[in-house]
All heavy atoms as atom14 arrays in JSON, in Angstrom:
{
  "sequence": "SAGTASADVTPRSCYGSAKNFSTTNKVWPAYPNWATTTPNCADVNVKA",
  "atom14_mask": [
    [1, 1, 1, 1, 1, 1, 0, 0, 0, 0, 0, 0, 0, 0],
    [1, 1, 1, 1, 1, 0, 0, 0, 0, 0, 0, 0, 0, 0],
    [1, 1, 1, 1, 0, 0, 0, 0, 0, 0, 0, 0, 0, 0],
    [1, 1, 1, 1, 1, 1, 1, 0, 0, 0, 0, 0, 0, 0],
    [1, 1, 1, 1, 1, 0, 0, 0, 0, 0, 0, 0, 0, 0],
    [1, 1, 1, 1, 1, 1, 0, 0, 0, 0, 0, 0, 0, 0],
    [1, 1, 1, 1, 1, 0, 0, 0, 0, 0, 0, 0, 0, 0],
    [1, 1, 1, 1, 1, 1, 1, 1, 0, 0, 0, 0, 0, 0],
    [1, 1, 1, 1, 1, 1, 1, 0, 0, 0, 0, 0, 0, 0],
    [1, 1, 1, 1, 1, 1, 1, 0, 0, 0, 0, 0, 0, 0],
    [1, 1, 1, 1, 1, 1, 1, 0, 0, 0, 0, 0, 0, 0],
    [1, 1, 1, 1, 1, 1, 1, 1, 1, 1, 1, 0, 0, 0],
    [1, 1, 1, 1, 1, 1, 0, 0, 0, 0, 0, 0, 0, 0],
    [1, 1, 1, 1, 1, 1, 0, 0, 0, 0, 0, 0, 0, 0],
    [1, 1, 1, 1, 1, 1, 1, 1, 1, 1, 1, 1, 0, 0],
    [1, 1, 1, 1, 0, 0, 0, 0, 0, 0, 0, 0, 0, 0],
    [1, 1, 1, 1, 1, 1, 0, 0, 0, 0, 0, 0, 0, 0],
    [1, 1, 1, 1, 1, 0, 0, 0, 0, 0, 0, 0, 0, 0],
    [1, 1, 1, 1, 1, 1, 1, 1, 1, 0, 0, 0, 0, 0],
    [1, 1, 1, 1, 1, 1, 1, 1, 0, 0, 0, 0, 0, 0],
    [1, 1, 1, 1, 1, 1, 1, 1, 1, 1, 1, 0, 0, 0],
    [1, 1, 1, 1, 1, 1, 0, 0, 0, 0, 0, 0, 0, 0],
    [1, 1, 1, 1, 1, 1, 1, 0, 0, 0, 0, 0, 0, 0],
    [1, 1, 1, 1, 1, 1, 1, 0, 0, 0, 0, 0, 0, 0],
    [1, 1, 1, 1, 1, 1, 1, 1, 0, 0, 0, 0, 0, 0],
    [1, 1, 1, 1, 1, 1, 1, 1, 1, 0, 0, 0, 0, 0],
    [1, 1, 1, 1, 1, 1, 1, 0, 0, 0, 0, 0, 0, 0],
    [1, 1, 1, 1, 1, 1, 1, 1, 1, 1, 1, 1, 1, 1],
    [1, 1, 1, 1, 1, 1, 1, 0, 0, 0, 0, 0, 0, 0],
    [1, 1, 1, 1, 1, 0, 0, 0, 0, 0, 0, 0, 0, 0],
    [1, 1, 1, 1, 1, 1, 1, 1, 1, 1, 1, 1, 0, 0],
    [1, 1, 1, 1, 1, 1, 1, 0, 0, 0, 0, 0, 0, 0],
    [1, 1, 1, 1, 1, 1, 1, 1, 0, 0, 0, 0, 0, 0],
    [1, 1, 1, 1, 1, 1, 1, 1, 1, 1, 1, 1, 1, 1],
    [1, 1, 1, 1, 1, 0, 0, 0, 0, 0, 0, 0, 0, 0],
    [1, 1, 1, 1, 1, 1, 1, 0, 0, 0, 0, 0, 0, 0],
    [1, 1, 1, 1, 1, 1, 1, 0, 0, 0, 0, 0, 0, 0],
    [1, 1, 1, 1, 1, 1, 1, 0, 0, 0, 0, 0, 0, 0],
    [1, 1, 1, 1, 1, 1, 1, 0, 0, 0, 0, 0, 0, 0],
    [1, 1, 1, 1, 1, 1, 1, 1, 0, 0, 0, 0, 0, 0],
    [1, 1, 1, 1, 1, 1, 0, 0, 0, 0, 0, 0, 0, 0],
    [1, 1, 1, 1, 1, 0, 0, 0, 0, 0, 0, 0, 0, 0],
    [1, 1, 1, 1, 1, 1, 1, 1, 0, 0, 0, 0, 0, 0],
    [1, 1, 1, 1, 1, 1, 1, 0, 0, 0, 0, 0, 0, 0],
    [1, 1, 1, 1, 1, 1, 1, 1, 0, 0, 0, 0, 0, 0],
    [1, 1, 1, 1, 1, 1, 1, 0, 0, 0, 0, 0, 0, 0],
    [1, 1, 1, 1, 1, 1, 1, 1, 1, 0, 0, 0, 0, 0],
    [1, 1, 1, 1, 1, 0, 0, 0, 0, 0, 0, 0, 0, 0]
  ],
  "atom14_positions": [
    [[-36.36, -108.82, 151.28], [-35.46, -109.16, 150.17], [-33.98, -109.13, 150.73], [-33.3, -110.04, 150.31], [-35.44, -108.14, 149.08], [-35.03, -106.82, 149.48], [0.0, 0.0, 0.0], [0.0, 0.0, 0.0], [0.0, 0.0, 0.0], [0.0, 0.0, 0.0], [0.0, 0.0, 0.0], [0.0, 0.0, 0.0], [0.0, 0.0, 0.0], [0.0, 0.0, 0.0]],
    [[-33.66, -108.39, 151.74], [-32.34, -108.53, 152.36], [-32.13, -109.93, 153.14], [-31.1, -110.47, 152.97], [-32.11, -107.32, 153.2], [0.0, 0.0, 0.0], [0.0, 0.0, 0.0], [0.0, 0.0, 0.0], [0.0, 0.0, 0.0], [0.0, 0.0, 0.0], [0.0, 0.0, 0.0], [0.0, 0.0, 0.0], [0.0, 0.0, 0.0], [0.0, 0.0, 0.0]],
    [[-33.21, -110.25, 153.79], [-33.16, -111.54, 154.52], [-32.96, -112.67, 153.55], [-32.17, -113.59, 153.82], [0.0, 0.0, 0.0], [0.0, 0.0, 0.0], [0.0, 0.0, 0.0], [0.0, 0.0, 0.0], [0.0, 0.0, 0.0], [0.0, 0.0, 0.0], [0.0, 0.0, 0.0], [0.0, 0.0, 0.0], [0.0, 0.0, 0.0], [0.0, 0.0, 0.0]],
    [[-33.68, -112.7, 152.54], [-33.51, -113.77, 151.49], [-32.17, -113.77, 150.81], [-31.45, -114.77, 150.78], [-34.54, -113.55, 150.33], [-35.87, -113.5, 150.93], [-34.51, -114.65, 149.36], [0.0, 0.0, 0.0], [0.0, 0.0, 0.0], [0.0, 0.0, 0.0], [0.0, 0.0, 0.0], [0.0, 0.0, 0.0], [0.0, 0.0, 0.0], [0.0, 0.0, 0.0]],
    [[-31.63, -112.59, 150.57], [-30.27, -112.58, 149.85], [-29.14, -113.09, 150.85], [-28.34, -113.93, 150.45], [-29.91, -111.13, 149.47], [0.0, 0.0, 0.0], [0.0, 0.0, 0.0], [0.0, 0.0, 0.0], [0.0, 0.0, 0.0], [0.0, 0.0, 0.0], [0.0, 0.0, 0.0], [0.0, 0.0, 0.0], [0.0, 0.0, 0.0], [0.0, 0.0, 0.0]],
    [[-29.25, -112.66, 152.16], [-28.21, -113.05, 153.05], [-28.3, -114.62, 153.28], [-27.27, -115.28, 153.49], [-28.23, -112.31, 154.34], [-29.47, -112.55, 154.99], [0.0, 0.0, 0.0], [0.0, 0.0, 0.0], [0.0, 0.0, 0.0], [0.0, 0.0, 0.0], [0.0, 0.0, 0.0], [0.0, 0.0, 0.0], [0.0, 0.0, 0.0], [0.0, 0.0, 0.0]],
    [[-29.52, -115.21, 153.38], [-29.71, -116.59, 153.61], [-29.19, -117.36, 152.42], [-28.59, -118.43, 152.58], [-31.13, -116.87, 153.82], [0.0, 0.0, 0.0], [0.0, 0.0, 0.0], [0.0, 0.0, 0.0], [0.0, 0.0, 0.0], [0.0, 0.0, 0.0], [0.0, 0.0, 0.0], [0.0, 0.0, 0.0], [0.0, 0.0, 0.0], [0.0, 0.0, 0.0]],
    [[-29.32, -116.79, 151.28], [-28.73, -117.52, 150.06], [-27.26, -117.47, 149.92], [-26.63, -118.34, 149.52], [-29.38, -116.96, 148.81], [-30.87, -117.34, 148.66], [-31.29, -118.22, 149.42], [-31.48, -116.67, 147.9], [0.0, 0.0, 0.0], [0.0, 0.0, 0.0], [0.0, 0.0, 0.0], [0.0, 0.0, 0.0], [0.0, 0.0, 0.0], [0.0, 0.0, 0.0]],
    [[-26.72, -116.33, 150.36], [-25.26, -116.08, 150.15], [-24.4, -116.9, 151.12], [-23.45, -117.48, 150.78], [-24.93, -114.52, 150.27], [-23.41, -114.28, 150.29], [-25.53, -113.77, 149.22], [0.0, 0.0, 0.0], [0.0, 0.0, 0.0], [0.0, 0.0, 0.0], [0.0, 0.0, 0.0], [0.0, 0.0, 0.0], [0.0, 0.0, 0.0], [0.0, 0.0, 0.0]],
    [[-24.78, -116.93, 152.46], [-24.0, -117.68, 153.41], [-23.68, -119.14, 153.08], [-22.63, -119.43, 152.98], [-24.64, -117.53, 154.88], [-24.76, -116.16, 155.08], [-23.77, -118.12, 155.85], [0.0, 0.0, 0.0], [0.0, 0.0, 0.0], [0.0, 0.0, 0.0], [0.0, 0.0, 0.0], [0.0, 0.0, 0.0], [0.0, 0.0, 0.0], [0.0, 0.0, 0.0]],
    [[-24.73, -119.99, 152.88], [-24.48, -121.37, 152.62], [-23.65, -121.54, 151.17], [-22.71, -122.26, 151.17], [-25.74, -122.01, 152.48], [-26.72, -121.13, 153.21], [-26.21, -119.76, 153.06], [0.0, 0.0, 0.0], [0.0, 0.0, 0.0], [0.0, 0.0, 0.0], [0.0, 0.0, 0.0], [0.0, 0.0, 0.0], [0.0, 0.0, 0.0], [0.0, 0.0, 0.0]],
    [[-23.9, -120.62, 150.22], [-23.3, -120.78, 149.0], [-21.79, -120.5, 149.17], [-20.89, -121.18, 148.69], [-23.95, -119.91, 147.85], [-23.46, -120.15, 146.63], [-24.22, -119.35, 145.55], [-25.67, -119.36, 145.77], [-26.45, -118.4, 145.7], [-25.98, -117.17, 145.44], [-27.71, -118.52, 145.9], [0.0, 0.0, 0.0], [0.0, 0.0, 0.0], [0.0, 0.0, 0.0]],
    [[-21.52, -119.45, 149.98], [-20.18, -119.05, 150.23], [-19.3, -120.15, 150.93], [-18.24, -120.48, 150.61], [-20.11, -117.79, 151.07], [-18.89, -117.41, 151.42], [0.0, 0.0, 0.0], [0.0, 0.0, 0.0], [0.0, 0.0, 0.0], [0.0, 0.0, 0.0], [0.0, 0.0, 0.0], [0.0, 0.0, 0.0], [0.0, 0.0, 0.0], [0.0, 0.0, 0.0]],
    [[-19.96, -120.79, 151.96], [-19.35, -121.86, 152.75], [-19.1, -123.02, 151.85], [-18.07, -123.62, 151.61], [-20.14, -122.17, 153.95], [-19.4, -123.51, 154.9], [0.0, 0.0, 0.0], [0.0, 0.0, 0.0], [0.0, 0.0, 0.0], [0.0, 0.0, 0.0], [0.0, 0.0, 0.0], [0.0, 0.0, 0.0], [0.0, 0.0, 0.0], [0.0, 0.0, 0.0]],
    [[-20.25, -123.63, 151.32], [-20.22, -124.88, 150.57], [-19.43, -124.62, 149.28], [-18.97, -125.56, 148.65], [-21.54, -125.43, 150.43], [-22.2, -125.95, 151.77], [-23.45, -125.75, 151.99], [-21.37, -126.49, 152.72], [-24.04, -126.16, 153.22], [-22.0, -126.88, 153.94], [-23.37, -126.72, 154.16], [-23.86, -127.07, 155.36], [0.0, 0.0, 0.0], [0.0, 0.0, 0.0]],
    [[-19.58, -123.41, 148.7], [-18.94, -123.1, 147.48], [-17.38, -123.22, 147.52], [-16.73, -123.44, 146.54], [0.0, 0.0, 0.0], [0.0, 0.0, 0.0], [0.0, 0.0, 0.0], [0.0, 0.0, 0.0], [0.0, 0.0, 0.0], [0.0, 0.0, 0.0], [0.0, 0.0, 0.0], [0.0, 0.0, 0.0], [0.0, 0.0, 0.0], [0.0, 0.0, 0.0]],
    [[-16.81, -123.09, 148.83], [-15.43, -123.26, 149.03], [-15.06, -124.77, 149.36], [-13.89, -125.03, 149.65], [-14.94, -122.32, 150.12], [-15.54, -122.73, 151.39], [0.0, 0.0, 0.0], [0.0, 0.0, 0.0], [0.0, 0.0, 0.0], [0.0, 0.0, 0.0], [0.0, 0.0, 0.0], [0.0, 0.0, 0.0], [0.0, 0.0, 0.0], [0.0, 0.0, 0.0]],
    [[-15.95, -125.65, 149.26], [-15.66, -127.06, 149.56], [-14.67, -127.64, 148.75], [-14.49, -127.36, 147.61], [-17.07, -127.77, 149.53], [0.0, 0.0, 0.0], [0.0, 0.0, 0.0], [0.0, 0.0, 0.0], [0.0, 0.0, 0.0], [0.0, 0.0, 0.0], [0.0, 0.0, 0.0], [0.0, 0.0, 0.0], [0.0, 0.0, 0.0], [0.0, 0.0, 0.0]],
    [[-13.94, -128.57, 149.39], [-12.81, -129.28, 148.72], [-13.14, -130.76, 148.83], [-13.89, -131.24, 149.76], [-11.5, -129.1, 149.4], [-11.15, -127.58, 149.49], [-9.89, -127.33, 150.37], [-9.6, -125.91, 150.39], [-8.57, -125.6, 151.31], [0.0, 0.0, 0.0], [0.0, 0.0, 0.0], [0.0, 0.0, 0.0], [0.0, 0.0, 0.0], [0.0, 0.0, 0.0]],
    [[-12.56, -131.49, 147.87], [-12.69, -133.06, 147.99], [-11.78, -133.45, 149.01], [-10.69, -132.88, 149.3], [-12.25, -133.62, 146.6], [-13.22, -133.37, 145.56], [-14.42, -133.26, 145.78], [-12.79, -133.2, 144.38], [0.0, 0.0, 0.0], [0.0, 0.0, 0.0], [0.0, 0.0, 0.0], [0.0, 0.0, 0.0], [0.0, 0.0, 0.0], [0.0, 0.0, 0.0]],
    [[-12.1, -134.59, 149.75], [-11.25, -135.15, 150.76], [-11.25, -136.53, 150.7], [-12.28, -137.17, 150.16], [-11.48, -134.64, 152.1], [-12.62, -135.35, 152.82], [-12.34, -136.48, 153.64], [-13.92, -135.08, 152.6], [-13.3, -137.3, 154.32], [-14.92, -135.88, 153.22], [-14.64, -136.99, 154.04], [0.0, 0.0, 0.0], [0.0, 0.0, 0.0], [0.0, 0.0, 0.0]],
    [[-10.21, -137.27, 151.13], [-10.16, -138.62, 151.16], [-9.14, -139.02, 152.33], [-8.11, -138.33, 152.39], [-9.48, -139.24, 149.84], [-9.48, -140.67, 149.97], [0.0, 0.0, 0.0], [0.0, 0.0, 0.0], [0.0, 0.0, 0.0], [0.0, 0.0, 0.0], [0.0, 0.0, 0.0], [0.0, 0.0, 0.0], [0.0, 0.0, 0.0], [0.0, 0.0, 0.0]],
    [[-9.56, -139.9, 153.21], [-8.76, -140.21, 154.38], [-7.62, -141.19, 154.06], [-7.7, -142.01, 153.2], [-9.62, -140.78, 155.51], [-10.24, -142.03, 155.02], [-10.61, -139.86, 155.9], [0.0, 0.0, 0.0], [0.0, 0.0, 0.0], [0.0, 0.0, 0.0], [0.0, 0.0, 0.0], [0.0, 0.0, 0.0], [0.0, 0.0, 0.0], [0.0, 0.0, 0.0]],
    [[-6.57, -141.07, 154.85], [-5.45, -141.97, 154.85], [-5.36, -142.47, 156.23], [-5.25, -141.64, 157.16], [-4.17, -141.27, 154.42], [-4.43, -140.73, 153.16], [-3.0, -142.2, 154.42], [0.0, 0.0, 0.0], [0.0, 0.0, 0.0], [0.0, 0.0, 0.0], [0.0, 0.0, 0.0], [0.0, 0.0, 0.0], [0.0, 0.0, 0.0], [0.0, 0.0, 0.0]],
    [[-5.38, -143.75, 156.6], [-5.35, -144.23, 157.89], [-6.43, -143.59, 158.74], [-6.19, -143.32, 160.0], [-3.99, -144.07, 158.52], [-2.94, -144.92, 157.71], [-3.23, -145.96, 157.28], [-1.83, -144.37, 157.61], [0.0, 0.0, 0.0], [0.0, 0.0, 0.0], [0.0, 0.0, 0.0], [0.0, 0.0, 0.0], [0.0, 0.0, 0.0], [0.0, 0.0, 0.0]],
    [[-7.61, -143.33, 158.22], [-8.75, -142.82, 158.93], [-8.56, -141.47, 159.42], [-9.2, -140.87, 160.31], [-9.16, -143.73, 160.13], [-9.43, -145.15, 159.66], [-9.76, -145.98, 160.89], [-9.87, -147.46, 160.52], [-9.95, -148.25, 161.72], [0.0, 0.0, 0.0], [0.0, 0.0, 0.0], [0.0, 0.0, 0.0], [0.0, 0.0, 0.0], [0.0, 0.0, 0.0]],
    [[-7.58, -140.65, 158.83], [-7.31, -139.26, 159.26], [-7.27, -138.4, 158.08], [-6.86, -138.77, 157.07], [-5.94, -139.09, 160.04], [-5.61, -137.77, 160.43], [-5.97, -139.97, 161.38], [0.0, 0.0, 0.0], [0.0, 0.0, 0.0], [0.0, 0.0, 0.0], [0.0, 0.0, 0.0], [0.0, 0.0, 0.0], [0.0, 0.0, 0.0], [0.0, 0.0, 0.0]],
    [[-7.7, -137.05, 158.2], [-7.62, -136.17, 157.19], [-7.31, -134.76, 157.83], [-7.89, -134.46, 158.85], [-8.97, -135.97, 156.42], [-8.8, -134.93, 155.36], [-8.4, -135.15, 154.09], [-8.91, -133.48, 155.42], [-8.35, -134.03, 153.38], [-8.69, -133.0, 154.18], [-9.44, -132.69, 156.37], [-8.73, -131.58, 153.9], [-9.45, -131.33, 156.23], [-9.14, -130.75, 154.95]],
    [[-6.48, -134.11, 157.31], [-5.54, -134.37, 156.16], [-4.51, -135.39, 156.76], [-4.38, -135.55, 157.9], [-4.75, -133.11, 155.8], [-4.99, -132.13, 156.95], [-6.18, -132.67, 157.74], [0.0, 0.0, 0.0], [0.0, 0.0, 0.0], [0.0, 0.0, 0.0], [0.0, 0.0, 0.0], [0.0, 0.0, 0.0], [0.0, 0.0, 0.0], [0.0, 0.0, 0.0]],
    [[-3.74, -136.09, 155.82], [-2.81, -137.14, 156.24], [-1.68, -136.5, 157.14], [-1.22, -135.34, 156.8], [-2.19, -137.69, 154.97], [0.0, 0.0, 0.0], [0.0, 0.0, 0.0], [0.0, 0.0, 0.0], [0.0, 0.0, 0.0], [0.0, 0.0, 0.0], [0.0, 0.0, 0.0], [0.0, 0.0, 0.0], [0.0, 0.0, 0.0], [0.0, 0.0, 0.0]],
    [[-1.36, -137.25, 158.19], [-0.28, -136.8, 159.03], [0.95, -136.56, 158.26], [1.29, -137.43, 157.39], [-0.11, -137.91, 160.12], [0.99, -137.58, 161.1], [0.68, -136.64, 162.12], [2.2, -138.03, 161.01], [1.69, -136.33, 163.02], [3.22, -137.67, 161.88], [2.9, -136.85, 162.93], [3.87, -136.43, 163.82], [0.0, 0.0, 0.0], [0.0, 0.0, 0.0]],
    [[1.72, -135.62, 158.53], [1.75, -134.63, 159.6], [1.03, -133.31, 159.19], [1.35, -132.29, 159.84], [3.24, -134.35, 159.91], [3.81, -134.37, 158.5], [3.06, -135.45, 157.64], [0.0, 0.0, 0.0], [0.0, 0.0, 0.0], [0.0, 0.0, 0.0], [0.0, 0.0, 0.0], [0.0, 0.0, 0.0], [0.0, 0.0, 0.0], [0.0, 0.0, 0.0]],
    [[0.28, -133.26, 158.19], [-0.39, -132.03, 157.72], [-1.53, -131.63, 158.57], [-2.14, -132.35, 159.38], [-0.8, -132.29, 156.27], [0.22, -132.49, 155.32], [1.27, -131.92, 155.38], [0.08, -133.49, 154.51], [0.0, 0.0, 0.0], [0.0, 0.0, 0.0], [0.0, 0.0, 0.0], [0.0, 0.0, 0.0], [0.0, 0.0, 0.0], [0.0, 0.0, 0.0]],
    [[-1.87, -130.35, 158.43], [-2.99, -129.74, 159.21], [-3.86, -129.04, 158.19], [-3.39, -128.46, 157.3], [-2.58, -128.8, 160.24], [-1.8, -129.27, 161.47], [-0.51, -129.54, 161.49], [-2.27, -129.62, 162.7], [-0.13, -130.09, 162.7], [-1.17, -130.04, 163.47], [-3.54, -129.57, 163.23], [-1.32, -130.46, 164.81], [-3.77, -129.99, 164.59], [-2.64, -130.41, 165.34]],
    [[-5.19, -128.9, 158.41], [-6.03, -127.99, 157.7], [-6.13, -126.72, 158.61], [-5.97, -126.78, 159.84], [-7.38, -128.61, 157.48], [0.0, 0.0, 0.0], [0.0, 0.0, 0.0], [0.0, 0.0, 0.0], [0.0, 0.0, 0.0], [0.0, 0.0, 0.0], [0.0, 0.0, 0.0], [0.0, 0.0, 0.0], [0.0, 0.0, 0.0], [0.0, 0.0, 0.0]],
    [[-6.43, -125.58, 158.02], [-6.66, -124.35, 158.83], [-8.02, -123.72, 158.49], [-8.34, -123.51, 157.33], [-5.58, -123.38, 158.38], [-4.24, -123.99, 158.57], [-5.55, -122.17, 159.24], [0.0, 0.0, 0.0], [0.0, 0.0, 0.0], [0.0, 0.0, 0.0], [0.0, 0.0, 0.0], [0.0, 0.0, 0.0], [0.0, 0.0, 0.0], [0.0, 0.0, 0.0]],
    [[-8.7, -123.49, 159.55], [-10.12, -122.93, 159.43], [-10.04, -121.51, 158.7], [-8.91, -120.87, 158.76], [-10.78, -122.78, 160.77], [-10.04, -121.88, 161.6], [-11.08, -124.08, 161.43], [0.0, 0.0, 0.0], [0.0, 0.0, 0.0], [0.0, 0.0, 0.0], [0.0, 0.0, 0.0], [0.0, 0.0, 0.0], [0.0, 0.0, 0.0], [0.0, 0.0, 0.0]],
    [[-11.04, -121.28, 157.91], [-11.09, -119.97, 157.08], [-12.38, -119.1, 157.51], [-13.21, -119.68, 158.25], [-11.23, -120.41, 155.63], [-12.5, -120.95, 155.45], [-10.1, -121.24, 155.14], [0.0, 0.0, 0.0], [0.0, 0.0, 0.0], [0.0, 0.0, 0.0], [0.0, 0.0, 0.0], [0.0, 0.0, 0.0], [0.0, 0.0, 0.0], [0.0, 0.0, 0.0]],
    [[-12.44, -117.93, 157.03], [-13.65, -117.2, 157.29], [-14.85, -117.6, 156.41], [-15.98, -117.13, 156.68], [-13.26, -115.7, 157.07], [-12.14, -115.77, 156.08], [-11.4, -117.23, 156.47], [0.0, 0.0, 0.0], [0.0, 0.0, 0.0], [0.0, 0.0, 0.0], [0.0, 0.0, 0.0], [0.0, 0.0, 0.0], [0.0, 0.0, 0.0], [0.0, 0.0, 0.0]],
    [[-14.7, -118.56, 155.53], [-15.8, -119.0, 154.69], [-16.89, -119.66, 155.48], [-18.09, -119.52, 155.06], [-15.18, -120.01, 153.55], [-14.21, -119.35, 152.73], [-14.17, -118.21, 152.56], [-13.38, -120.28, 152.12], [0.0, 0.0, 0.0], [0.0, 0.0, 0.0], [0.0, 0.0, 0.0], [0.0, 0.0, 0.0], [0.0, 0.0, 0.0], [0.0, 0.0, 0.0]],
    [[-16.63, -120.43, 156.48], [-17.53, -121.11, 157.27], [-17.37, -121.01, 158.75], [-16.27, -120.79, 159.15], [-17.46, -122.67, 156.94], [-17.56, -123.12, 155.19], [0.0, 0.0, 0.0], [0.0, 0.0, 0.0], [0.0, 0.0, 0.0], [0.0, 0.0, 0.0], [0.0, 0.0, 0.0], [0.0, 0.0, 0.0], [0.0, 0.0, 0.0], [0.0, 0.0, 0.0]],
    [[-18.5, -121.04, 159.46], [-18.46, -120.89, 160.93], [-18.21, -122.26, 161.6], [-17.84, -122.44, 162.78], [-19.7, -120.32, 161.51], [0.0, 0.0, 0.0], [0.0, 0.0, 0.0], [0.0, 0.0, 0.0], [0.0, 0.0, 0.0], [0.0, 0.0, 0.0], [0.0, 0.0, 0.0], [0.0, 0.0, 0.0], [0.0, 0.0, 0.0], [0.0, 0.0, 0.0]],
    [[-18.4, -123.36, 160.77], [-18.23, -124.71, 161.35], [-17.37, -125.57, 160.31], [-17.01, -125.02, 159.2], [-19.59, -125.46, 161.23], [-20.69, -124.68, 161.95], [-20.42, -124.06, 162.92], [-21.79, -124.53, 161.34], [0.0, 0.0, 0.0], [0.0, 0.0, 0.0], [0.0, 0.0, 0.0], [0.0, 0.0, 0.0], [0.0, 0.0, 0.0], [0.0, 0.0, 0.0]],
    [[-16.91, -126.73, 160.74], [-16.32, -127.6, 159.85], [-17.36, -128.62, 159.3], [-17.88, -129.32, 160.16], [-15.07, -128.38, 160.58], [-14.49, -129.48, 159.65], [-14.06, -127.48, 161.04], [0.0, 0.0, 0.0], [0.0, 0.0, 0.0], [0.0, 0.0, 0.0], [0.0, 0.0, 0.0], [0.0, 0.0, 0.0], [0.0, 0.0, 0.0], [0.0, 0.0, 0.0]],
    [[-17.59, -128.54, 158.12], [-18.72, -129.19, 157.44], [-18.28, -130.43, 156.59], [-17.32, -130.18, 155.78], [-19.57, -128.32, 156.47], [-20.08, -127.04, 157.37], [-20.99, -127.21, 158.11], [-19.46, -126.01, 157.24], [0.0, 0.0, 0.0], [0.0, 0.0, 0.0], [0.0, 0.0, 0.0], [0.0, 0.0, 0.0], [0.0, 0.0, 0.0], [0.0, 0.0, 0.0]],
    [[-18.82, -131.53, 156.67], [-18.39, -132.75, 155.92], [-19.59, -133.39, 155.25], [-20.55, -133.56, 155.91], [-17.65, -133.74, 156.9], [-17.16, -134.89, 156.07], [-16.48, -133.13, 157.59], [0.0, 0.0, 0.0], [0.0, 0.0, 0.0], [0.0, 0.0, 0.0], [0.0, 0.0, 0.0], [0.0, 0.0, 0.0], [0.0, 0.0, 0.0], [0.0, 0.0, 0.0]],
    [[-19.35, -133.81, 154.03], [-20.4, -134.5, 153.27], [-19.71, -135.77, 152.8], [-18.92, -135.79, 151.81], [-20.74, -133.75, 152.08], [-21.98, -134.39, 151.26], [-22.41, -133.52, 150.03], [-23.54, -134.04, 149.36], [-23.96, -133.19, 148.31], [0.0, 0.0, 0.0], [0.0, 0.0, 0.0], [0.0, 0.0, 0.0], [0.0, 0.0, 0.0], [0.0, 0.0, 0.0]],
    [[-19.75, -136.81, 153.72], [-19.01, -138.04, 153.47], [-19.8, -139.11, 152.49], [-21.05, -139.05, 152.47], [-18.83, -138.84, 154.91], [0.0, 0.0, 0.0], [0.0, 0.0, 0.0], [0.0, 0.0, 0.0], [0.0, 0.0, 0.0], [0.0, 0.0, 0.0], [0.0, 0.0, 0.0], [0.0, 0.0, 0.0], [0.0, 0.0, 0.0], [0.0, 0.0, 0.0]]
  ]
}
C-alpha cells in the first residue's frame, strides 16, 4: 500500500503544478524572462 500511495502522489504533485504555456518567437518564457525549477518535479515536462 505504501508503494501504491507514493506512485500515485509523485506524478499528481508534479503534473498538478502544471501551468499553461504559449511560445513567443519560439521561446518560452518570452525573453528576457526565465522560469525557475521547483521541487515539484525532477524534470521539465511539456505537454504540447
